[in-house]
Amino acid sequence: MPGAEFDKASEDVKNLKQTPSNDELLELYALFKQATVGDVNTDRPGLLDMKGKAKWDAWNAKKGTAKDAAEKDYVALVQKLISTYGLK
């Protein structure tokens, strides 16, 4: 069950003044999925799905990370992004 800090961070990230870089977005996605689902549980997308493959690869790179550790890392990343981009 996600903690209150994680829930707040997942709401705050939707209100950044500007969109984070692709690398930052992939990191957010991977940490969120690891925190909420755990290790990757789907097959890698096909050759033509570049975005899907990038997201899958980022999530798969977190394999073995405990859900609570992924939550903490996600919250820390969101706080870093807020200090970089600010909130609306």
PDB file of N, CA and C in Angstrom:
ATOM      1  N   MET A   1       0.852  -1.200   0.000  1.00  0.00           N
ATOM      2  CA  MET A   1       0.000   0.000   0.000  1.00  0.00           C
ATOM      3  C   MET A   1       0.886   1.247   0.000  1.00  0.00           C
ATOM      4  N   PRO A   2       0.735   2.103  -0.989  1.00  0.00           N
ATOM      5  CA  PRO A   2       1.589   3.296  -1.061  1.00  0.00           C
ATOM      6  C   PRO A   2       1.379   4.240   0.126  1.00  0.00           C
ATOM      7  N   GLY A   3       2.447   4.913   0.522  1.00  0.00           N
ATOM      8  CA  GLY A   3       2.374   5.863   1.620  1.00  0.00           C
ATOM      9  C   GLY A   3       1.837   7.209   1.180  1.00  0.00           C
ATOM     10  N   ALA A   4       1.515   8.043   2.168  1.00  0.00           N
ATOM     11  CA  ALA A   4       0.944   9.368   1.893  1.00  0.00           C
ATOM     12  C   ALA A   4       1.906  10.239   1.083  1.00  0.00           C
ATOM     13  N   GLU A   5       3.201  10.166   1.398  1.00  0.00           N
ATOM     14  CA  GLU A   5       4.195  10.958   0.652  1.00  0.00           C
ATOM     15  C   GLU A   5       4.201  10.561  -0.822  1.00  0.00           C
ATOM     16  N   PHE A   6       4.127   9.255  -1.066  1.00  0.00           N
ATOM     17  CA  PHE A   6       4.113   8.741  -2.443  1.00  0.00           C
ATOM     18  C   PHE A   6       2.869   9.228  -3.167  1.00  0.00           C
ATOM     19  N   ASP A   7       1.716   9.140  -2.501  1.00  0.00           N
ATOM     20  CA  ASP A   7       0.459   9.598  -3.108  1.00  0.00           C
ATOM     21  C   ASP A   7       0.526  11.078  -3.452  1.00  0.00           C
ATOM     22  N   LYS A   8       1.066  11.885  -2.532  1.00  0.00           N
ATOM     23  CA  LYS A   8       1.183  13.325  -2.766  1.00  0.00           C
ATOM     24  C   LYS A   8       2.134  13.596  -3.938  1.00  0.00           C
ATOM     25  N   ALA A   9       3.255  12.888  -3.968  1.00  0.00           N
ATOM     26  CA  ALA A   9       4.231  13.073  -5.049  1.00  0.00           C
ATOM     27  C   ALA A   9       3.622  12.717  -6.399  1.00  0.00           C
ATOM     28  N   SER A  10       2.811  11.651  -6.436  1.00  0.00           N
ATOM     29  CA  SER A  10       2.220  11.250  -7.716  1.00  0.00           C
ATOM     30  C   SER A  10       1.158  12.242  -8.179  1.00  0.00           C
ATOM     31  N   GLU A  11       0.605  13.020  -7.261  1.00  0.00           N
ATOM     32  CA  GLU A  11      -0.299  14.112  -7.645  1.00  0.00           C
ATOM     33  C   GLU A  11       0.501  15.363  -8.025  1.00  0.00           C
ATOM     34  N   ASP A  12       1.507  15.709  -7.215  1.00  0.00           N
ATOM     35  CA  ASP A  12       2.314  16.905  -7.472  1.00  0.00           C
ATOM     36  C   ASP A  12       2.984  16.866  -8.841  1.00  0.00           C
ATOM     37  N   VAL A  13       3.439  15.686  -9.249  1.00  0.00           N
ATOM     38  CA  VAL A  13       4.185  15.579 -10.504  1.00  0.00           C
ATOM     39  C   VAL A  13       3.315  15.974 -11.704  1.00  0.00           C
ATOM     40  N   LYS A  14       2.010  15.874 -11.561  1.00  0.00           N
ATOM     41  CA  LYS A  14       1.092  16.261 -12.640  1.00  0.00           C
ATOM     42  C   LYS A  14       0.980  17.782 -12.764  1.00  0.00           C
ATOM     43  N   ASN A  15       1.486  18.518 -11.775  1.00  0.00           N
ATOM     44  CA  ASN A  15       1.348  19.980 -11.747  1.00  0.00           C
ATOM     45  C   ASN A  15       2.663  20.725 -11.905  1.00  0.00           C
ATOM     46  N   LEU A  16       3.647  20.070 -12.500  1.00  0.00           N
ATOM     47  CA  LEU A  16       4.916  20.763 -12.759  1.00  0.00           C
ATOM     48  C   LEU A  16       4.680  21.844 -13.812  1.00  0.00           C
ATOM     49  N   LYS A  17       5.441  22.949 -13.710  1.00  0.00           N
ATOM     50  CA  LYS A  17       5.277  24.061 -14.652  1.00  0.00           C
ATOM     51  C   LYS A  17       5.666  23.675 -16.068  1.00  0.00           C
ATOM     52  N   GLN A  18       6.605  22.733 -16.206  1.00  0.00           N
ATOM     53  CA  GLN A  18       6.967  22.272 -17.540  1.00  0.00           C
ATOM     54  C   GLN A  18       7.215  20.774 -17.495  1.00  0.00           C
ATOM     55  N   THR A  19       7.139  20.178 -18.657  1.00  0.00           N
ATOM     56  CA  THR A  19       7.311  18.730 -18.764  1.00  0.00           C
ATOM     57  C   THR A  19       8.774  18.365 -18.552  1.00  0.00           C
ATOM     58  N   PRO A  20       9.044  17.382 -17.689  1.00  0.00           N
ATOM     59  CA  PRO A  20      10.436  16.934 -17.505  1.00  0.00           C
ATOM     60  C   PRO A  20      10.996  16.332 -18.793  1.00  0.00           C
ATOM     61  N   SER A  21      12.310  16.136 -18.817  1.00  0.00           N
ATOM     62  CA  SER A  21      12.960  15.532 -19.991  1.00  0.00           C
ATOM     63  C   SER A  21      12.483  14.087 -20.160  1.00  0.00           C
ATOM     64  N   ASN A  22      12.716  13.530 -21.326  1.00  0.00           N
ATOM     65  CA  ASN A  22      12.334  12.135 -21.578  1.00  0.00           C
ATOM     66  C   ASN A  22      12.992  11.186 -20.575  1.00  0.00           C
ATOM     67  N   ASP A  23      14.265  11.424 -20.262  1.00  0.00           N
ATOM     68  CA  ASP A  23      14.958  10.564 -19.294  1.00  0.00           C
ATOM     69  C   ASP A  23      14.310  10.663 -17.919  1.00  0.00           C
ATOM     70  N   GLU A  24      13.944  11.886 -17.520  1.00  0.00           N
ATOM     71  CA  GLU A  24      13.276  12.065 -16.224  1.00  0.00           C
ATOM     72  C   GLU A  24      11.909  11.389 -16.219  1.00  0.00           C
ATOM     73  N   LEU A  25      11.186  11.508 -17.338  1.00  0.00           N
ATOM     74  CA  LEU A  25       9.875  10.859 -17.432  1.00  0.00           C
ATOM     75  C   LEU A  25       9.996   9.341 -17.362  1.00  0.00           C
ATOM     76  N   LEU A  26      11.005   8.791 -18.017  1.00  0.00           N
ATOM     77  CA  LEU A  26      11.214   7.341 -17.969  1.00  0.00           C
ATOM     78  C   LEU A  26      11.551   6.890 -16.553  1.00  0.00           C
ATOM     79  N   GLU A  27      12.363   7.673 -15.860  1.00  0.00           N
ATOM     80  CA  GLU A  27      12.722   7.338 -14.477  1.00  0.00           C
ATOM     81  C   GLU A  27      11.492   7.396 -13.575  1.00  0.00           C
ATOM     82  N   LEU A  28      10.669   8.431 -13.762  1.00  0.00           N
ATOM     83  CA  LEU A  28       9.416   8.534 -12.994  1.00  0.00           C
ATOM     84  C   LEU A  28       8.533   7.318 -13.250  1.00  0.00           C
ATOM     85  N   TYR A  29       8.373   6.969 -14.520  1.00  0.00           N
ATOM     86  CA  TYR A  29       7.537   5.829 -14.897  1.00  0.00           C
ATOM     87  C   TYR A  29       8.054   4.538 -14.252  1.00  0.00           C
ATOM     88  N   ALA A  30       9.351   4.310 -14.391  1.00  0.00           N
ATOM     89  CA  ALA A  30       9.942   3.067 -13.884  1.00  0.00           C
ATOM     90  C   ALA A  30       9.781   2.960 -12.365  1.00  0.00           C
ATOM     91  N   LEU A  31      10.051   4.044 -11.653  1.00  0.00           N
ATOM     92  CA  LEU A  31       9.925   4.016 -10.188  1.00  0.00           C
ATOM     93  C   LEU A  31       8.471   3.853  -9.766  1.00  0.00           C
ATOM     94  N   PHE A  32       7.553   4.529 -10.477  1.00  0.00           N
ATOM     95  CA  PHE A  32       6.132   4.415 -10.148  1.00  0.00           C
ATOM     96  C   PHE A  32       5.664   2.973 -10.331  1.00  0.00           C
ATOM     97  N   LYS A  33       6.012   2.380 -11.474  1.00  0.00           N
ATOM     98  CA  LYS A  33       5.592   1.002 -11.748  1.00  0.00           C
ATOM     99  C   LYS A  33       6.218   0.029 -10.742  1.00  0.00           C
ATOM    100  N   GLN A  34       7.490   0.229 -10.415  1.00  0.00           N
ATOM    101  CA  GLN A  34       8.155  -0.659  -9.466  1.00  0.00           C
ATOM    102  C   GLN A  34       7.510  -0.536  -8.088  1.00  0.00           C
ATOM    103  N   ALA A  35       7.146   0.693  -7.709  1.00  0.00           N
ATOM    104  CA  ALA A  35       6.534   0.929  -6.397  1.00  0.00           C
ATOM    105  C   ALA A  35       5.115   0.377  -6.322  1.00  0.00           C
ATOM    106  N   THR A  36       4.382   0.420  -7.434  1.00  0.00           N
ATOM    107  CA  THR A  36       2.973   0.022  -7.391  1.00  0.00           C
ATOM    108  C   THR A  36       2.730  -1.413  -7.853  1.00  0.00           C
ATOM    109  N   VAL A  37       3.567  -1.917  -8.757  1.00  0.00           N
ATOM    110  CA  VAL A  37       3.358  -3.261  -9.313  1.00  0.00           C
ATOM    111  C   VAL A  37       4.439  -4.240  -8.860  1.00  0.00           C
ATOM    112  N   GLY A  38       5.670  -3.746  -8.748  1.00  0.00           N
ATOM    113  CA  GLY A  38       6.802  -4.625  -8.468  1.00  0.00           C
ATOM    114  C   GLY A  38       7.570  -4.873  -9.756  1.00  0.00           C
ATOM    115  N   ASP A  39       8.292  -5.990  -9.803  1.00  0.00           N
ATOM    116  CA  ASP A  39       9.098  -6.301 -10.994  1.00  0.00           C
ATOM    117  C   ASP A  39       8.225  -6.382 -12.235  1.00  0.00           C
ATOM    118  N   VAL A  40       8.833  -6.024 -13.360  1.00  0.00           N
ATOM    119  CA  VAL A  40       8.127  -6.040 -14.644  1.00  0.00           C
ATOM    120  C   VAL A  40       7.440  -7.395 -14.842  1.00  0.00           C
ATOM    121  N   ASN A  41       6.179  -7.347 -15.290  1.00  0.00           N
ATOM    122  CA  ASN A  41       5.378  -8.577 -15.377  1.00  0.00           C
ATOM    123  C   ASN A  41       4.737  -8.753 -16.751  1.00  0.00           C
ATOM    124  N   THR A  42       5.294  -8.068 -17.747  1.00  0.00           N
ATOM    125  CA  THR A  42       4.763  -8.173 -19.105  1.00  0.00           C
ATOM    126  C   THR A  42       5.911  -8.476 -20.062  1.00  0.00           C
ATOM    127  N   ASP A  43       5.575  -8.929 -21.252  1.00  0.00           N
ATOM    128  CA  ASP A  43       6.591  -9.151 -22.275  1.00  0.00           C
ATOM    129  C   ASP A  43       7.048  -7.806 -22.827  1.00  0.00           C
ATOM    130  N   ARG A  44       8.300  -7.769 -23.293  1.00  0.00           N
ATOM    131  CA  ARG A  44       8.836  -6.545 -23.895  1.00  0.00           C
ATOM    132  C   ARG A  44       8.056  -6.252 -25.176  1.00  0.00           C
ATOM    133  N   PRO A  45       7.649  -4.986 -25.371  1.00  0.00           N
ATOM    134  CA  PRO A  45       6.910  -4.627 -26.597  1.00  0.00           C
ATOM    135  C   PRO A  45       7.721  -4.924 -27.850  1.00  0.00           C
ATOM    136  N   GLY A  46       7.011  -4.994 -28.964  1.00  0.00           N
ATOM    137  CA  GLY A  46       7.628  -5.336 -30.244  1.00  0.00           C
ATOM    138  C   GLY A  46       8.514  -4.249 -30.816  1.00  0.00           C
ATOM    139  N   LEU A  47       9.158  -4.589 -31.906  1.00  0.00           N
ATOM    140  CA  LEU A  47      10.157  -3.757 -32.565  1.00  0.00           C
ATOM    141  C   LEU A  47       9.667  -2.347 -32.896  1.00  0.00           C
ATOM    142  N   LEU A  48       8.419  -2.207 -33.318  1.00  0.00           N
ATOM    143  CA  LEU A  48       7.934  -0.913 -33.784  1.00  0.00           C
ATOM    144  C   LEU A  48       7.438  -0.005 -32.661  1.00  0.00           C
ATOM    145  N   ASP A  49       7.285  -0.544 -31.459  1.00  0.00           N
ATOM    146  CA  ASP A  49       6.789   0.252 -30.334  1.00  0.00           C
ATOM    147  C   ASP A  49       7.978   0.822 -29.550  1.00  0.00           C
ATOM    148  N   MET A  50       8.563   1.895 -30.108  1.00  0.00           N
ATOM    149  CA  MET A  50       9.774   2.472 -29.504  1.00  0.00           C
ATOM    150  C   MET A  50       9.510   3.023 -28.104  1.00  0.00           C
ATOM    151  N   LYS A  51       8.412   3.751 -27.949  1.00  0.00           N
ATOM    152  CA  LYS A  51       8.084   4.328 -26.652  1.00  0.00           C
ATOM    153  C   LYS A  51       7.810   3.224 -25.622  1.00  0.00           C
ATOM    154  N   GLY A  52       7.046   2.230 -26.032  1.00  0.00           N
ATOM    155  CA  GLY A  52       6.741   1.112 -25.139  1.00  0.00           C
ATOM    156  C   GLY A  52       7.986   0.368 -24.709  1.00  0.00           C
ATOM    157  N   LYS A  53       8.916   0.168 -25.653  1.00  0.00           N
ATOM    158  CA  LYS A  53      10.168  -0.521 -25.317  1.00  0.00           C
ATOM    159  C   LYS A  53      10.999   0.298 -24.341  1.00  0.00           C
ATOM    160  N   ALA A  54      11.068   1.598 -24.552  1.00  0.00           N
ATOM    161  CA  ALA A  54      11.843   2.461 -23.656  1.00  0.00           C
ATOM    162  C   ALA A  54      11.265   2.412 -22.239  1.00  0.00           C
ATOM    163  N   LYS A  55       9.948   2.468 -22.141  1.00  0.00           N
ATOM    164  CA  LYS A  55       9.291   2.407 -20.833  1.00  0.00           C
ATOM    165  C   LYS A  55       9.527   1.042 -20.179  1.00  0.00           C
ATOM    166  N   TRP A  56       9.400  -0.029 -20.959  1.00  0.00           N
ATOM    167  CA  TRP A  56       9.601  -1.380 -20.433  1.00  0.00           C
ATOM    168  C   TRP A  56      11.043  -1.548 -19.951  1.00  0.00           C
ATOM    169  N   ASP A  57      11.996  -1.078 -20.767  1.00  0.00           N
ATOM    170  CA  ASP A  57      13.418  -1.197 -20.404  1.00  0.00           C
ATOM    171  C   ASP A  57      13.734  -0.424 -19.123  1.00  0.00           C
ATOM    172  N   ALA A  58      13.152   0.776 -18.995  1.00  0.00           N
ATOM    173  CA  ALA A  58      13.391   1.582 -17.795  1.00  0.00           C
ATOM    174  C   ALA A  58      12.839   0.864 -16.560  1.00  0.00           C
ATOM    175  N   TRP A  59      11.631   0.318 -16.683  1.00  0.00           N
ATOM    176  CA  TRP A  59      11.021  -0.408 -15.575  1.00  0.00           C
ATOM    177  C   TRP A  59      11.828  -1.668 -15.255  1.00  0.00           C
ATOM    178  N   ASN A  60      12.232  -2.400 -16.281  1.00  0.00           N
ATOM    179  CA  ASN A  60      12.983  -3.640 -16.086  1.00  0.00           C
ATOM    180  C   ASN A  60      14.325  -3.379 -15.400  1.00  0.00           C
ATOM    181  N   ALA A  61      14.888  -2.179 -15.613  1.00  0.00           N
ATOM    182  CA  ALA A  61      16.156  -1.822 -14.970  1.00  0.00           C
ATOM    183  C   ALA A  61      16.006  -1.712 -13.450  1.00  0.00           C
ATOM    184  N   LYS A  62      14.776  -1.553 -12.975  1.00  0.00           N
ATOM    185  CA  LYS A  62      14.517  -1.449 -11.529  1.00  0.00           C
ATOM    186  C   LYS A  62      14.242  -2.817 -10.898  1.00  0.00           C
ATOM    187  N   LYS A  63      14.309  -3.867 -11.692  1.00  0.00           N
ATOM    188  CA  LYS A  63      13.993  -5.218 -11.222  1.00  0.00           C
ATOM    189  C   LYS A  63      14.754  -5.530  -9.933  1.00  0.00           C
ATOM    190  N   GLY A  64      14.041  -6.066  -8.959  1.00  0.00           N
ATOM    191  CA  GLY A  64      14.666  -6.422  -7.689  1.00  0.00           C
ATOM    192  C   GLY A  64      14.620  -5.316  -6.651  1.00  0.00           C
ATOM    193  N   THR A  65      14.241  -4.106  -7.066  1.00  0.00           N
ATOM    194  CA  THR A  65      14.124  -2.997  -6.121  1.00  0.00           C
ATOM    195  C   THR A  65      12.857  -3.196  -5.292  1.00  0.00           C
ATOM    196  N   ALA A  66      12.991  -3.114  -3.974  1.00  0.00           N
ATOM    197  CA  ALA A  66      11.831  -3.273  -3.099  1.00  0.00           C
ATOM    198  C   ALA A  66      10.836  -2.148  -3.357  1.00  0.00           C
ATOM    199  N   LYS A  67       9.546  -2.454  -3.175  1.00  0.00           N
ATOM    200  CA  LYS A  67       8.511  -1.454  -3.439  1.00  0.00           C
ATOM    201  C   LYS A  67       8.707  -0.207  -2.585  1.00  0.00           C
ATOM    202  N   ASP A  68       9.041  -0.384  -1.292  1.00  0.00           N
ATOM    203  CA  ASP A  68       9.213   0.798  -0.434  1.00  0.00           C
ATOM    204  C   ASP A  68      10.431   1.618  -0.842  1.00  0.00           C
ATOM    205  N   ALA A  69      11.477   0.972  -1.319  1.00  0.00           N
ATOM    206  CA  ALA A  69      12.659   1.700  -1.811  1.00  0.00           C
ATOM    207  C   ALA A  69      12.314   2.473  -3.079  1.00  0.00           C
ATOM    208  N   ALA A  70      11.535   1.854  -3.959  1.00  0.00           N
ATOM    209  CA  ALA A  70      11.115   2.528  -5.195  1.00  0.00           C
ATOM    210  C   ALA A  70      10.231   3.728  -4.861  1.00  0.00           C
ATOM    211  N   GLU A  71       9.361   3.578  -3.859  1.00  0.00           N
ATOM    212  CA  GLU A  71       8.518   4.701  -3.410  1.00  0.00           C
ATOM    213  C   GLU A  71       9.374   5.862  -2.942  1.00  0.00           C
ATOM    214  N   LYS A  72      10.369   5.569  -2.101  1.00  0.00           N
ATOM    215  CA  LYS A  72      11.257   6.626  -1.566  1.00  0.00           C
ATOM    216  C   LYS A  72      12.007   7.316  -2.700  1.00  0.00           C
ATOM    217  N   ASP A  73      12.517   6.523  -3.651  1.00  0.00           N
ATOM    218  CA  ASP A  73      13.247   7.093  -4.788  1.00  0.00           C
ATOM    219  C   ASP A  73      12.328   7.956  -5.651  1.00  0.00           C
ATOM    220  N   TYR A  74      11.088   7.518  -5.829  1.00  0.00           N
ATOM    221  CA  TYR A  74      10.104   8.268  -6.610  1.00  0.00           C
ATOM    222  C   TYR A  74       9.827   9.614  -5.945  1.00  0.00           C
ATOM    223  N   VAL A  75       9.572   9.588  -4.630  1.00  0.00           N
ATOM    224  CA  VAL A  75       9.298  10.825  -3.893  1.00  0.00           C
ATOM    225  C   VAL A  75      10.491  11.774  -3.997  1.00  0.00           C
ATOM    226  N   ALA A  76      11.699  11.250  -3.851  1.00  0.00           N
ATOM    227  CA  ALA A  76      12.906  12.084  -3.945  1.00  0.00           C
ATOM    228  C   ALA A  76      13.039  12.695  -5.341  1.00  0.00           C
ATOM    229  N   LEU A  77      12.753  11.904  -6.377  1.00  0.00           N
ATOM    230  CA  LEU A  77      12.842  12.417  -7.751  1.00  0.00           C
ATOM    231  C   LEU A  77      11.796  13.498  -7.988  1.00  0.00           C
ATOM    232  N   VAL A  78      10.572  13.290  -7.526  1.00  0.00           N
ATOM    233  CA  VAL A  78       9.521  14.305  -7.694  1.00  0.00           C
ATOM    234  C   VAL A  78       9.927  15.593  -6.974  1.00  0.00           C
ATOM    235  N   GLN A  79      10.487  15.484  -5.773  1.00  0.00           N
ATOM    236  CA  GLN A  79      10.921  16.683  -5.051  1.00  0.00           C
ATOM    237  C   GLN A  79      12.017  17.416  -5.811  1.00  0.00           C
ATOM    238  N   LYS A  80      12.935  16.656  -6.433  1.00  0.00           N
ATOM    239  CA  LYS A  80      13.992  17.256  -7.246  1.00  0.00           C
ATOM    240  C   LYS A  80      13.379  17.983  -8.454  1.00  0.00           C
ATOM    241  N   LEU A  81      12.397  17.338  -9.102  1.00  0.00           N
ATOM    242  CA  LEU A  81      11.758  17.948 -10.277  1.00  0.00           C
ATOM    243  C   LEU A  81      10.988  19.205  -9.889  1.00  0.00           C
ATOM    244  N   ILE A  82      10.342  19.189  -8.726  1.00  0.00           N
ATOM    245  CA  ILE A  82       9.622  20.380  -8.258  1.00  0.00           C
ATOM    246  C   ILE A  82      10.606  21.527  -8.036  1.00  0.00           C
ATOM    247  N   SER A  83      11.779  21.225  -7.455  1.00  0.00           N
ATOM    248  CA  SER A  83      12.760  22.293  -7.228  1.00  0.00           C
ATOM    249  C   SER A  83      13.351  22.778  -8.548  1.00  0.00           C
ATOM    250  N   THR A  84      13.393  21.903  -9.561  1.00  0.00           N
ATOM    251  CA  THR A  84      13.910  22.304 -10.874  1.00  0.00           C
ATOM    252  C   THR A  84      12.884  23.074 -11.694  1.00  0.00           C
ATOM    253  N   TYR A  85      11.648  22.553 -11.768  1.00  0.00           N
ATOM    254  CA  TYR A  85      10.632  23.117 -12.662  1.00  0.00           C
ATOM    255  C   TYR A  85       9.574  23.945 -11.965  1.00  0.00           C
ATOM    256  N   GLY A  86       9.382  23.753 -10.664  1.00  0.00           N
ATOM    257  CA  GLY A  86       8.329  24.469  -9.935  1.00  0.00           C
ATOM    258  C   GLY A  86       6.956  23.867 -10.211  1.00  0.00           C
ATOM    259  N   LEU A  87       6.001  24.265  -9.408  1.00  0.00           N
ATOM    260  CA  LEU A  87       4.618  23.807  -9.567  1.00  0.00           C
ATOM    261  C   LEU A  87       3.784  24.917 -10.166  1.00  0.00           C
ATOM    262  N   LYS A  88       2.727  24.537 -10.868  1.00  0.00           N
ATOM    263  CA  LYS A  88       1.790  25.503 -11.469  1.00  0.00           C
ATOM    264  C   LYS A  88       1.095  26.283 -10.374  1.00  0.00           C
TER     265      LYS A  88
END
